[in-house]
Amino acid sequence: MSEAVTRSTLSTPPGLLASLDPLLRDWLPRQRWFAGKGRPVTGFSLVAATELLPPGGKRGLYHLLVRAHQPLTPAPGAPEQPADCYQLLVGDREALPPRLAPALIGHVTEGPLAGRTVYDALYDPRPCELLLEALRTGARVGALRFERDAGTEIRSGLVPRLVTSEQSNSSVVYGDTFILKLLRRVVPGVNPDLELPLALAREGCDRVPAPSAWMRAELSGEPYVLGVLQPFVQGAADGWDLALRGLAKGEEFASAARALGRATAEVHMALARALPTVTLGHTQVRQQVEGMAARLDTAAQAVPALRPYAPALRSAFDALADLAAEGRTWTAQRVHGDLHLGQCLRSPSGQWWLIDFEGEPSKPLAERRMPQPPARDVAGMLRSFDYAAHSAEHPAPGWANACRAAYCSGYAEAAGADPRTDPVLLRAYETDKAIYEVVYEARHRPDWLPVPMTAIRRLAADAPPAPPSTPVSPPSPRRPRP
C-alpha cells in the first residue's frame, strides 16, 4: 500500500453508490452472509467509502460500508426495520479474467465507473495483499484503522487465498500462516470476536488463537470492528467435519468429545478470570425465563408441530424460575455465545481450539456481550452432538449420548464441576436452544426439521409430571409421553 494512501483517503468518485445500486440489489441477497434473505432491498445508503488504489489505473479498489434498506414484509408501503450495515470490498476492471468469474458483481452502465466490471475483490490476490500490508504496517486510511499486536511479526509476501466454503463472514488465508476474518454485517460497538480473544490472550489461554492484528473504523465517534487476523492452525479440521467422518466410518468420538469438554472449561475459566462475573438472582433469572417463554410462544405460533409439546417444554423454564424464587443463585460470565462443533478446531496432534466468538449474529450486540451461565455454551454443544448424529446416513442416537456424556465428563475434569449436576439449568438452556433450532429449520431447511423435533420430544418427555389438582387415590396408570 503506497505511502500516500496510508495517510489519507483518496477522493471517492461522486455517484459511486448510485451507479452500483442496481447491481448490488441483485448480487447482495445471493451472498451466504446476507442476513435479510426473503425481503427485497429497497435501496442503499452509504456509511463510509474509501478508495484504496489511486484512480486512473487498470483496476480500482473501494472499501464500502453500506446500509441495505428492507421492509419488514414484502407488502408495498410496509415499514422498514433498522437497515443492516455490510462491509464490501469492491474491485473494478475493464474485464474480469476467467479466474475471477465467481467474483462478478456486474457491469456498470452509468456513473463514474461506467463501462467497468465490478467484482468482490476478496477473490483477487492483489487486494488481499494490500489488506495484509496495511495490517503489517499499521496503516490509517481515512476512517479505516489497521492495528497489530506489538509482539507479532507479520511477514510481507504471504500468498493469499479466499476460503470459499459457506460462512457467515469471509476469510482469507495467508500462506498457511494467518487467517483474516472479515466481518460482513457490522455494527458499532465493542465486538466480542476481538474483545474475547484479546482477553483470553492476556490470560495466557492457548485454547483460542490470539489476535495478531485487526481492522476497524471510527465513524461518528463510534468504533466498528471490521476484521481480525489470527494465526492459521495448519492441518486442523473443524469438529463438525471430524464428527461426520467418524460417524461415516463407525468410529467412536467420545474421547475427542471429552477433550473438547476440557478445552471448553479451560476457556470458561480463563474468561471468568479475565472479565467481570455477576450473580444471577431471582429478578435476573425471572427476566431470562420470561424471554425463554416468550420465544416458545412465538415458535409455537410459527411451527404447528411444536404446539403439542409447548406445556411440557414450558415446565423447563418454570422449574428454573422456581429454583430462583427459592433463593438459588448462579454465576454468570462472558461465554462463547454460539458454541457448536463447527466453532471448534482440532489439530493433527489432538489439540482443540475454540474460534468465532462473535456470538449469534442475529442478536443485538449488547445482548451478545451480556454475562451468561456457562451452561448456555454447554447446551449448545450438546445440541451439536445431536445434530451430527442425525446428519449421518444412519442416525446414531447412541453415538450422540456417548459424546454428550463424555463432553460433560471432560468439562468436569477441568472445571471441577459437572454441568449435569445442575440439571434444571442445563435443561432450560437446551430446551431454549432446541426451540430456536425448530424455528430456523422450519424457515430455512424444512428437511432438517425432524432433527430438533427429536430433541423436543425428548426434552418434553423429561418434564416432571404435573401435580394433580385434587388428591387421587390410587393413582391411575400413566400413558407414556411421546
Protein backbone atom coordinates (compact mmCIF):
# COMPACT_ATOMS: atom_id res chain seq x y z
CA MET A 1 0.00 0.00 0.00
CA SER A 2 1.53 3.31 -1.06
CA GLU A 3 2.60 5.92 1.48
CA ALA A 4 0.08 8.41 0.09
CA VAL A 5 -2.76 6.02 0.65
CA THR A 6 -1.75 5.22 4.23
CA ARG A 7 -2.03 8.89 5.17
CA SER A 8 -5.31 9.98 3.68
CA THR A 9 -8.44 8.86 1.91
CA LEU A 10 -8.26 9.25 -1.82
CA SER A 11 -11.21 11.07 -3.32
CA THR A 12 -14.13 8.71 -3.85
CA PRO A 13 -15.99 9.48 -7.10
CA PRO A 14 -19.38 11.14 -6.52
CA GLY A 15 -22.30 8.97 -7.52
CA LEU A 16 -20.38 5.76 -6.87
CA LEU A 17 -23.09 4.07 -4.78
CA ALA A 18 -25.88 5.18 -7.11
CA SER A 19 -24.09 3.54 -10.04
CA LEU A 20 -23.63 0.31 -8.06
CA ASP A 21 -27.17 0.25 -6.64
CA PRO A 22 -28.92 -1.88 -9.33
CA LEU A 23 -26.07 -4.40 -9.34
CA LEU A 24 -25.93 -4.71 -5.55
CA ARG A 25 -29.69 -5.27 -5.32
CA ASP A 26 -29.26 -8.44 -7.34
CA TRP A 27 -25.86 -9.59 -6.03
CA LEU A 28 -26.06 -8.90 -2.29
CA PRO A 29 -29.12 -11.08 -1.44
CA ARG A 30 -27.43 -14.06 -3.11
CA GLN A 31 -24.47 -13.99 -0.72
CA ARG A 32 -24.36 -16.57 2.06
CA TRP A 33 -23.65 -13.88 4.64
CA PHE A 34 -26.56 -11.61 3.70
CA ALA A 35 -28.92 -11.54 6.69
CA GLY A 36 -32.07 -10.19 5.05
CA LYS A 37 -32.99 -13.07 2.76
CA GLY A 38 -36.62 -13.25 1.72
CA ARG A 39 -37.15 -9.48 1.83
CA PRO A 40 -36.47 -7.17 -1.12
CA VAL A 41 -33.81 -4.50 -0.92
CA THR A 42 -35.43 -1.11 -1.49
CA GLY A 43 -32.26 0.94 -1.51
CA PHE A 44 -28.83 1.62 -0.08
CA SER A 45 -27.26 4.39 1.94
CA LEU A 46 -23.54 4.99 2.22
CA VAL A 47 -21.96 4.84 5.68
CA ALA A 48 -18.35 5.22 4.51
CA ALA A 49 -16.35 4.84 1.32
CA THR A 50 -12.59 4.66 1.00
CA GLU A 51 -10.67 4.35 -2.25
CA LEU A 52 -7.70 2.04 -1.65
CA LEU A 53 -5.97 2.29 -5.03
CA PRO A 54 -5.04 5.50 -6.87
CA PRO A 55 -7.58 6.49 -9.54
CA GLY A 56 -6.82 6.10 -13.21
CA GLY A 57 -5.15 2.70 -13.01
CA LYS A 58 -6.07 -0.53 -14.73
CA ARG A 59 -8.02 -1.55 -11.65
CA GLY A 60 -9.69 0.21 -8.79
CA LEU A 61 -10.46 -0.86 -5.25
CA TYR A 62 -13.10 0.55 -2.91
CA HIS A 63 -13.82 -0.26 0.71
CA LEU A 64 -17.53 0.38 1.30
CA LEU A 65 -19.79 0.29 4.33
CA VAL A 66 -23.37 0.39 3.06
CA ARG A 67 -26.75 0.01 4.69
CA ALA A 68 -29.26 -2.19 2.88
CA HIS A 69 -32.81 -0.94 3.41
CA GLN A 70 -35.52 -3.62 3.52
CA PRO A 71 -39.19 -3.56 4.56
CA LEU A 72 -40.29 -5.84 7.37
CA THR A 73 -42.70 -7.54 4.95
CA PRO A 74 -42.82 -7.61 1.14
CA ALA A 75 -46.10 -5.61 1.18
CA PRO A 76 -45.91 -2.22 -0.58
CA GLY A 77 -45.51 0.63 1.85
CA ALA A 78 -44.59 -1.68 4.76
CA PRO A 79 -42.43 -0.13 7.49
CA GLU A 80 -38.71 -0.76 7.33
CA GLN A 81 -36.62 -2.17 10.16
CA PRO A 82 -33.22 -0.62 11.00
CA ALA A 83 -31.00 -1.23 8.00
CA ASP A 84 -28.15 -3.70 8.31
CA CYS A 85 -24.68 -2.36 7.52
CA TYR A 86 -22.46 -4.50 5.29
CA GLN A 87 -18.74 -4.35 4.60
CA LEU A 88 -17.87 -4.67 0.90
CA LEU A 89 -14.51 -4.70 -0.85
CA VAL A 90 -15.36 -3.81 -4.45
CA GLY A 91 -12.84 -4.01 -7.26
CA ASP A 92 -13.24 -2.70 -10.77
CA ARG A 93 -11.54 -3.71 -14.04
CA GLU A 94 -12.18 -3.32 -17.73
CA ALA A 95 -12.94 -7.04 -17.86
CA LEU A 96 -12.59 -9.96 -15.49
CA PRO A 97 -10.17 -12.79 -16.22
CA PRO A 98 -11.80 -16.25 -16.11
CA ARG A 99 -10.32 -17.00 -12.68
CA LEU A 100 -12.37 -14.14 -11.20
CA ALA A 101 -15.67 -15.16 -12.80
CA PRO A 102 -17.16 -16.32 -9.45
CA ALA A 103 -16.49 -12.83 -8.04
CA LEU A 104 -18.60 -10.96 -10.59
CA ILE A 105 -20.99 -8.34 -9.24
CA GLY A 106 -21.90 -6.87 -12.63
CA HIS A 107 -21.17 -4.41 -15.42
CA VAL A 108 -21.65 -0.73 -14.62
CA THR A 109 -23.59 1.24 -17.23
CA GLU A 110 -23.59 4.76 -15.76
CA GLY A 111 -21.79 6.95 -13.26
CA PRO A 112 -18.06 7.20 -12.53
CA LEU A 113 -17.43 3.50 -13.26
CA ALA A 114 -19.49 3.32 -16.46
CA GLY A 115 -18.10 0.67 -18.79
CA ARG A 116 -16.18 -1.08 -15.98
CA THR A 117 -16.79 -4.50 -14.44
CA VAL A 118 -17.10 -4.61 -10.66
CA TYR A 119 -16.44 -7.67 -8.52
CA ASP A 120 -15.89 -8.95 -4.98
CA ALA A 121 -12.22 -8.07 -4.58
CA LEU A 122 -11.57 -10.71 -1.93
CA TYR A 123 -11.31 -13.22 -4.79
CA ASP A 124 -8.38 -11.23 -6.18
CA PRO A 125 -4.94 -11.81 -4.62
CA ARG A 126 -3.70 -8.24 -5.10
CA PRO A 127 -6.38 -6.52 -2.96
CA CYS A 128 -5.91 -9.20 -0.29
CA GLU A 129 -2.18 -8.48 -0.31
CA LEU A 130 -2.96 -4.79 0.22
CA LEU A 131 -5.03 -5.62 3.29
CA LEU A 132 -2.23 -7.69 4.84
CA GLU A 133 0.32 -4.97 4.12
CA ALA A 134 -1.92 -2.39 5.78
CA LEU A 135 -2.20 -4.62 8.85
CA ARG A 136 1.55 -5.25 8.86
CA THR A 137 2.41 -1.54 8.72
CA GLY A 138 -0.39 -0.26 10.95
CA ALA A 139 -1.80 1.90 8.18
CA ARG A 140 -4.50 4.56 8.56
CA VAL A 141 -6.67 5.18 5.52
CA GLY A 142 -9.36 7.74 6.10
CA ALA A 143 -11.67 6.27 8.74
CA LEU A 144 -10.00 2.85 8.46
CA ARG A 145 -7.54 1.82 11.16
CA PHE A 146 -5.21 -1.15 10.74
CA GLU A 147 -3.67 -2.20 14.06
CA ARG A 148 -1.47 -5.06 15.18
CA ASP A 149 -0.23 -6.80 18.27
CA ALA A 150 3.20 -5.37 19.02
CA GLY A 151 4.67 -8.79 19.72
CA THR A 152 3.56 -10.40 16.44
CA GLU A 153 5.72 -10.46 13.33
CA ILE A 154 3.77 -10.29 10.08
CA ARG A 155 5.89 -11.06 7.04
CA SER A 156 5.09 -9.46 3.71
CA GLY A 157 4.72 -11.58 0.60
CA LEU A 158 2.45 -14.26 2.09
CA VAL A 159 0.26 -15.67 -0.69
CA PRO A 160 -3.46 -15.12 -0.03
CA ARG A 161 -6.34 -17.45 -0.83
CA LEU A 162 -10.02 -16.92 -0.18
CA VAL A 163 -11.82 -19.58 1.85
CA THR A 164 -14.73 -20.47 -0.44
CA SER A 165 -16.75 -22.68 1.92
CA GLU A 166 -20.05 -21.16 3.04
CA GLN A 167 -19.61 -18.88 6.04
CA SER A 168 -21.50 -16.08 7.72
CA ASN A 169 -18.41 -13.89 7.11
CA SER A 170 -15.46 -14.06 4.69
CA SER A 171 -11.99 -15.44 5.43
CA VAL A 172 -8.65 -15.15 3.64
CA VAL A 173 -5.72 -17.44 4.47
CA TYR A 174 -2.19 -16.04 4.03
CA GLY A 175 0.45 -18.64 3.27
CA ASP A 176 -0.83 -21.10 5.90
CA THR A 177 0.42 -18.58 8.49
CA PHE A 178 -2.51 -16.27 9.18
CA ILE A 179 -6.23 -16.16 8.55
CA LEU A 180 -8.09 -12.87 8.20
CA LYS A 181 -11.77 -12.97 9.09
CA LEU A 182 -13.63 -10.04 7.54
CA LEU A 183 -16.96 -9.35 9.17
CA ARG A 184 -19.65 -8.81 6.57
CA ARG A 185 -22.53 -7.47 8.68
CA VAL A 186 -21.03 -4.90 11.03
CA VAL A 187 -22.42 -2.97 13.97
CA PRO A 188 -20.95 -0.18 16.08
CA GLY A 189 -19.52 -1.06 19.46
CA VAL A 190 -17.10 -3.49 21.07
CA ASN A 191 -17.23 -6.70 19.05
CA PRO A 192 -16.76 -9.87 21.14
CA ASP A 193 -14.96 -11.54 18.23
CA LEU A 194 -11.99 -9.28 19.01
CA GLU A 195 -12.70 -8.46 22.66
CA LEU A 196 -12.80 -12.02 24.00
CA PRO A 197 -9.75 -13.47 22.15
CA LEU A 198 -7.72 -10.45 23.29
CA ALA A 199 -8.84 -11.03 26.89
CA LEU A 200 -8.00 -14.73 26.64
CA ALA A 201 -4.59 -13.95 25.18
CA ARG A 202 -3.84 -11.71 28.19
CA GLU A 203 -4.73 -14.65 30.43
CA GLY A 204 -2.34 -16.93 28.52
CA CYS A 205 -5.16 -19.23 27.39
CA ASP A 206 -3.84 -21.28 24.48
CA ARG A 207 -7.25 -22.69 23.51
CA VAL A 208 -8.05 -19.66 21.32
CA PRO A 209 -5.76 -18.29 18.57
CA ALA A 210 -4.63 -14.86 19.79
CA PRO A 211 -5.39 -11.88 17.51
CA SER A 212 -2.30 -10.81 15.58
CA ALA A 213 -3.84 -7.69 14.03
CA TRP A 214 -7.25 -6.19 13.45
CA MET A 215 -9.06 -3.75 11.22
CA ARG A 216 -11.60 -1.22 12.45
CA ALA A 217 -13.22 2.09 11.59
CA GLU A 218 -14.08 5.20 13.61
CA LEU A 219 -17.32 6.71 12.32
CA SER A 220 -19.26 9.47 14.06
CA GLY A 221 -17.35 8.74 17.23
CA GLU A 222 -18.26 5.05 17.29
CA PRO A 223 -15.90 2.09 16.71
CA TYR A 224 -16.66 -0.61 14.15
CA VAL A 225 -14.62 -3.83 14.19
CA LEU A 226 -14.21 -4.91 10.56
CA GLY A 227 -11.77 -7.81 10.64
CA VAL A 228 -9.43 -9.88 12.80
CA LEU A 229 -6.15 -11.54 11.74
CA GLN A 230 -5.20 -14.65 13.73
CA PRO A 231 -2.68 -17.47 13.38
CA PHE A 232 -3.80 -20.14 10.93
CA VAL A 233 -3.95 -23.58 12.54
CA GLN A 234 -2.39 -25.62 9.77
CA GLY A 235 -3.79 -29.08 9.22
CA ALA A 236 -6.65 -28.53 11.66
CA ALA A 237 -10.17 -29.77 10.94
CA ASP A 238 -13.35 -28.41 12.41
CA GLY A 239 -15.26 -30.54 14.87
CA TRP A 240 -18.31 -30.89 12.65
CA ASP A 241 -16.34 -32.44 9.79
CA LEU A 242 -14.43 -34.68 12.20
CA ALA A 243 -17.63 -35.90 13.80
CA LEU A 244 -19.30 -36.67 10.48
CA ARG A 245 -16.22 -38.51 9.21
CA GLY A 246 -16.10 -40.57 12.38
CA LEU A 247 -19.78 -41.41 12.09
CA ALA A 248 -19.37 -42.47 8.46
CA LYS A 249 -16.56 -44.84 9.45
CA GLY A 250 -18.33 -46.13 12.54
CA GLU A 251 -15.61 -44.73 14.79
CA GLU A 252 -16.14 -43.56 18.34
CA PHE A 253 -15.87 -39.85 19.06
CA ALA A 254 -16.27 -39.90 22.82
CA SER A 255 -12.57 -39.45 23.56
CA ALA A 256 -12.44 -36.40 21.30
CA ALA A 257 -15.62 -35.08 22.94
CA ARG A 258 -14.06 -35.49 26.38
CA ALA A 259 -11.00 -33.48 25.30
CA LEU A 260 -13.28 -30.84 23.82
CA GLY A 261 -15.13 -30.62 27.13
CA ARG A 262 -11.83 -29.94 28.89
CA ALA A 263 -10.94 -27.25 26.34
CA THR A 264 -14.34 -25.57 26.79
CA ALA A 265 -13.93 -25.50 30.56
CA GLU A 266 -10.44 -24.01 30.26
CA VAL A 267 -11.80 -21.20 28.09
CA HIS A 268 -14.66 -20.56 30.50
CA MET A 269 -12.32 -20.41 33.48
CA ALA A 270 -9.96 -18.02 31.66
CA LEU A 271 -12.87 -15.74 30.69
CA ALA A 272 -14.06 -15.70 34.31
CA ARG A 273 -10.59 -14.58 35.40
CA ALA A 274 -10.20 -12.01 32.63
CA LEU A 275 -13.60 -10.29 32.72
CA PRO A 276 -16.15 -9.44 35.42
CA THR A 277 -18.65 -12.03 36.62
CA VAL A 278 -22.09 -11.34 38.08
CA THR A 279 -24.56 -13.21 40.27
CA LEU A 280 -27.97 -14.05 38.83
CA GLY A 281 -30.66 -13.93 41.47
CA HIS A 282 -34.42 -14.16 41.37
CA THR A 283 -35.02 -10.95 39.39
CA GLN A 284 -32.39 -11.67 36.72
CA VAL A 285 -33.42 -15.30 36.29
CA ARG A 286 -37.08 -14.34 36.07
CA GLN A 287 -36.22 -11.96 33.21
CA GLN A 288 -34.33 -14.72 31.40
CA VAL A 289 -37.16 -17.19 31.93
CA GLU A 290 -39.68 -14.69 30.60
CA GLY A 291 -37.56 -14.32 27.47
CA MET A 292 -37.37 -18.09 27.02
CA ALA A 293 -41.14 -18.46 27.49
CA ALA A 294 -41.81 -15.66 25.00
CA ARG A 295 -39.59 -17.36 22.42
CA LEU A 296 -41.51 -20.60 22.99
CA ASP A 297 -44.85 -18.83 22.43
CA THR A 298 -43.59 -17.22 19.22
CA ALA A 299 -42.13 -20.51 17.99
CA ALA A 300 -45.34 -22.43 18.68
CA GLN A 301 -47.27 -19.90 16.62
CA ALA A 302 -44.81 -20.22 13.74
CA VAL A 303 -44.36 -24.02 13.79
CA PRO A 304 -47.57 -26.01 14.45
CA ALA A 305 -45.60 -29.22 15.08
CA LEU A 306 -44.26 -27.63 18.26
CA ARG A 307 -47.63 -26.87 19.85
CA PRO A 308 -48.42 -30.27 21.42
CA TYR A 309 -45.15 -30.12 23.35
CA ALA A 310 -45.36 -26.50 24.48
CA PRO A 311 -46.76 -27.10 28.01
CA ALA A 312 -44.10 -29.71 28.81
CA LEU A 313 -41.34 -27.51 27.36
CA ARG A 314 -42.53 -24.54 29.39
CA SER A 315 -42.05 -26.61 32.55
CA ALA A 316 -38.28 -26.48 31.95
CA PHE A 317 -38.40 -22.70 32.29
CA ASP A 318 -40.85 -22.75 35.19
CA ALA A 319 -38.59 -25.14 37.12
CA LEU A 320 -35.68 -22.73 36.73
CA ALA A 321 -37.82 -19.81 37.90
CA ASP A 322 -38.98 -21.85 40.90
CA LEU A 323 -35.39 -22.56 41.96
CA ALA A 324 -34.54 -18.87 41.73
CA ALA A 325 -37.64 -17.98 43.77
CA GLU A 326 -36.40 -20.34 46.48
CA GLY A 327 -33.17 -18.34 46.72
CA ARG A 328 -30.89 -20.27 44.37
CA THR A 329 -28.33 -18.11 42.53
CA TRP A 330 -25.98 -18.73 39.62
CA THR A 331 -22.74 -17.14 38.48
CA ALA A 332 -22.83 -15.57 35.04
CA GLN A 333 -19.80 -14.60 32.98
CA ARG A 334 -18.76 -13.90 29.40
CA VAL A 335 -19.14 -17.02 27.28
CA HIS A 336 -18.70 -18.01 23.64
CA GLY A 337 -22.39 -17.50 22.93
CA ASP A 338 -22.75 -19.67 19.82
CA LEU A 339 -20.78 -22.81 20.62
CA HIS A 340 -21.12 -25.86 18.40
CA LEU A 341 -18.85 -28.36 16.68
CA GLY A 342 -18.29 -26.06 13.71
CA GLN A 343 -16.77 -23.44 16.04
CA CYS A 344 -14.02 -25.81 17.20
CA LEU A 345 -10.78 -26.82 15.52
CA ARG A 346 -8.64 -29.86 16.30
CA SER A 347 -5.02 -30.11 15.22
CA PRO A 348 -3.49 -33.35 13.95
CA SER A 349 -1.96 -33.74 17.44
CA GLY A 350 -5.42 -33.68 19.04
CA GLN A 351 -5.34 -30.14 20.48
CA TRP A 352 -8.71 -28.35 20.46
CA TRP A 353 -9.19 -24.62 19.81
CA LEU A 354 -12.38 -22.57 20.07
CA ILE A 355 -12.95 -19.92 17.38
CA ASP A 356 -15.53 -17.35 16.24
CA PHE A 357 -16.54 -15.52 19.42
CA GLU A 358 -18.93 -13.21 17.59
CA GLY A 359 -21.97 -14.85 19.22
CA GLU A 360 -25.27 -15.32 17.44
CA PRO A 361 -25.13 -12.62 14.73
CA SER A 362 -28.92 -12.25 14.71
CA LYS A 363 -28.91 -10.98 18.30
CA PRO A 364 -28.16 -7.36 19.25
CA LEU A 365 -24.55 -6.66 20.20
CA ALA A 366 -25.48 -5.63 23.75
CA GLU A 367 -27.23 -8.97 24.28
CA ARG A 368 -24.27 -10.91 22.87
CA ARG A 369 -21.97 -9.20 25.38
CA MET A 370 -24.11 -9.94 28.43
CA PRO A 371 -22.74 -12.37 31.05
CA GLN A 372 -24.42 -15.78 30.86
CA PRO A 373 -24.14 -19.03 32.82
CA PRO A 374 -21.54 -21.30 31.17
CA ALA A 375 -24.37 -23.84 30.82
CA ARG A 376 -25.52 -21.89 27.77
CA ASP A 377 -22.36 -22.89 25.86
CA VAL A 378 -22.57 -26.45 27.16
CA ALA A 379 -26.17 -26.75 25.98
CA GLY A 380 -25.17 -25.52 22.53
CA MET A 381 -22.52 -28.21 22.24
CA LEU A 382 -24.85 -30.94 23.47
CA ARG A 383 -27.30 -29.96 20.75
CA SER A 384 -24.46 -30.05 18.21
CA PHE A 385 -23.71 -33.70 19.03
CA ASP A 386 -27.37 -34.48 18.40
CA TYR A 387 -27.23 -32.70 15.04
CA ALA A 388 -24.17 -34.65 13.97
CA ALA A 389 -25.72 -37.96 14.98
CA HIS A 390 -28.88 -37.28 12.98
CA SER A 391 -26.97 -35.93 9.98
CA ALA A 392 -25.29 -39.26 9.39
CA GLU A 393 -26.60 -41.63 6.73
CA HIS A 394 -27.85 -43.83 9.54
CA PRO A 395 -28.88 -41.74 12.61
CA ALA A 396 -26.91 -42.76 15.69
CA PRO A 397 -28.57 -41.52 18.89
CA GLY A 398 -26.32 -43.82 20.95
CA TRP A 399 -23.28 -42.08 19.48
CA ALA A 400 -24.71 -38.70 20.49
CA ASN A 401 -25.46 -39.89 24.03
CA ALA A 402 -21.90 -41.17 24.45
CA CYS A 403 -20.44 -37.89 23.17
CA ARG A 404 -22.72 -35.80 25.36
CA ALA A 405 -21.71 -37.75 28.47
CA ALA A 406 -18.00 -37.67 27.58
CA TYR A 407 -18.09 -33.92 26.88
CA CYS A 408 -19.63 -33.19 30.29
CA SER A 409 -17.13 -35.51 31.99
CA GLY A 410 -14.24 -33.74 30.30
CA TYR A 411 -15.66 -30.39 31.31
CA ALA A 412 -15.85 -31.57 34.92
CA GLU A 413 -12.23 -32.77 34.85
CA ALA A 414 -11.02 -29.23 34.10
CA ALA A 415 -13.65 -27.12 35.86
CA GLY A 416 -14.19 -29.29 38.93
CA ALA A 417 -17.96 -29.20 38.42
CA ASP A 418 -20.05 -31.33 36.07
CA PRO A 419 -22.75 -29.40 34.17
CA ARG A 420 -25.08 -32.36 34.71
CA THR A 421 -25.15 -31.68 38.45
CA ASP A 422 -27.35 -28.65 37.69
CA PRO A 423 -29.95 -30.42 35.51
CA VAL A 424 -32.64 -27.74 35.82
CA LEU A 425 -30.37 -25.01 34.46
CA LEU A 426 -28.94 -27.22 31.71
CA ARG A 427 -32.37 -28.44 30.61
CA ALA A 428 -33.71 -24.88 30.39
CA TYR A 429 -30.88 -23.77 28.12
CA GLU A 430 -31.01 -26.89 25.97
CA THR A 431 -34.76 -26.50 25.59
CA ASP A 432 -34.37 -22.86 24.58
CA LYS A 433 -31.75 -23.83 22.00
CA ALA A 434 -33.87 -26.65 20.55
CA ILE A 435 -36.83 -24.28 20.18
CA TYR A 436 -34.62 -21.84 18.26
CA GLU A 437 -33.49 -24.70 16.02
CA VAL A 438 -37.07 -25.72 15.26
CA VAL A 439 -37.93 -22.24 14.02
CA TYR A 440 -34.72 -21.96 12.00
CA GLU A 441 -35.19 -25.31 10.27
CA ALA A 442 -38.87 -24.71 9.58
CA ARG A 443 -37.99 -21.46 7.84
CA HIS A 444 -34.79 -22.35 6.05
CA ARG A 445 -34.31 -26.15 5.87
CA PRO A 446 -37.62 -27.97 6.32
CA ASP A 447 -35.97 -31.31 5.55
CA TRP A 448 -33.91 -30.88 8.74
CA LEU A 449 -36.88 -30.16 10.99
CA PRO A 450 -37.00 -33.77 12.30
CA VAL A 451 -33.57 -33.27 13.91
CA PRO A 452 -34.57 -30.65 16.51
CA MET A 453 -38.05 -32.18 16.80
CA THR A 454 -36.43 -35.38 18.07
CA ALA A 455 -34.82 -33.31 20.81
CA ILE A 456 -38.10 -31.53 21.50
CA ARG A 457 -39.83 -34.87 22.14
CA ARG A 458 -37.00 -35.98 24.43
CA LEU A 459 -36.95 -32.72 26.38
CA ALA A 460 -40.74 -32.72 26.70
CA ALA A 461 -40.65 -36.29 27.98
CA ASP A 462 -38.16 -35.20 30.65
CA ALA A 463 -40.73 -32.84 32.15
CA PRO A 464 -41.80 -33.81 35.67
CA PRO A 465 -45.43 -34.90 35.85
CA ALA A 466 -47.78 -32.10 36.81
CA PRO A 467 -49.16 -32.46 40.37
CA PRO A 468 -52.84 -33.38 40.50
CA SER A 469 -55.19 -30.53 41.40
CA THR A 470 -57.02 -32.74 43.93
CA PRO A 471 -55.80 -35.82 45.78
CA VAL A 472 -56.46 -39.04 43.91
CA SER A 473 -56.09 -42.50 45.34
CA PRO A 474 -54.96 -44.81 43.98
CA PRO A 475 -53.12 -43.09 41.09
CA SER A 476 -54.30 -44.20 37.70
CA PRO A 477 -51.71 -45.65 35.31
CA ARG A 478 -49.91 -43.08 33.17
CA ARG A 479 -49.59 -43.32 29.46
CA PRO A 480 -46.04 -42.86 28.26
CA ARG A 481 -45.22 -39.43 26.85
CA PRO A 482 -44.45 -39.14 23.13
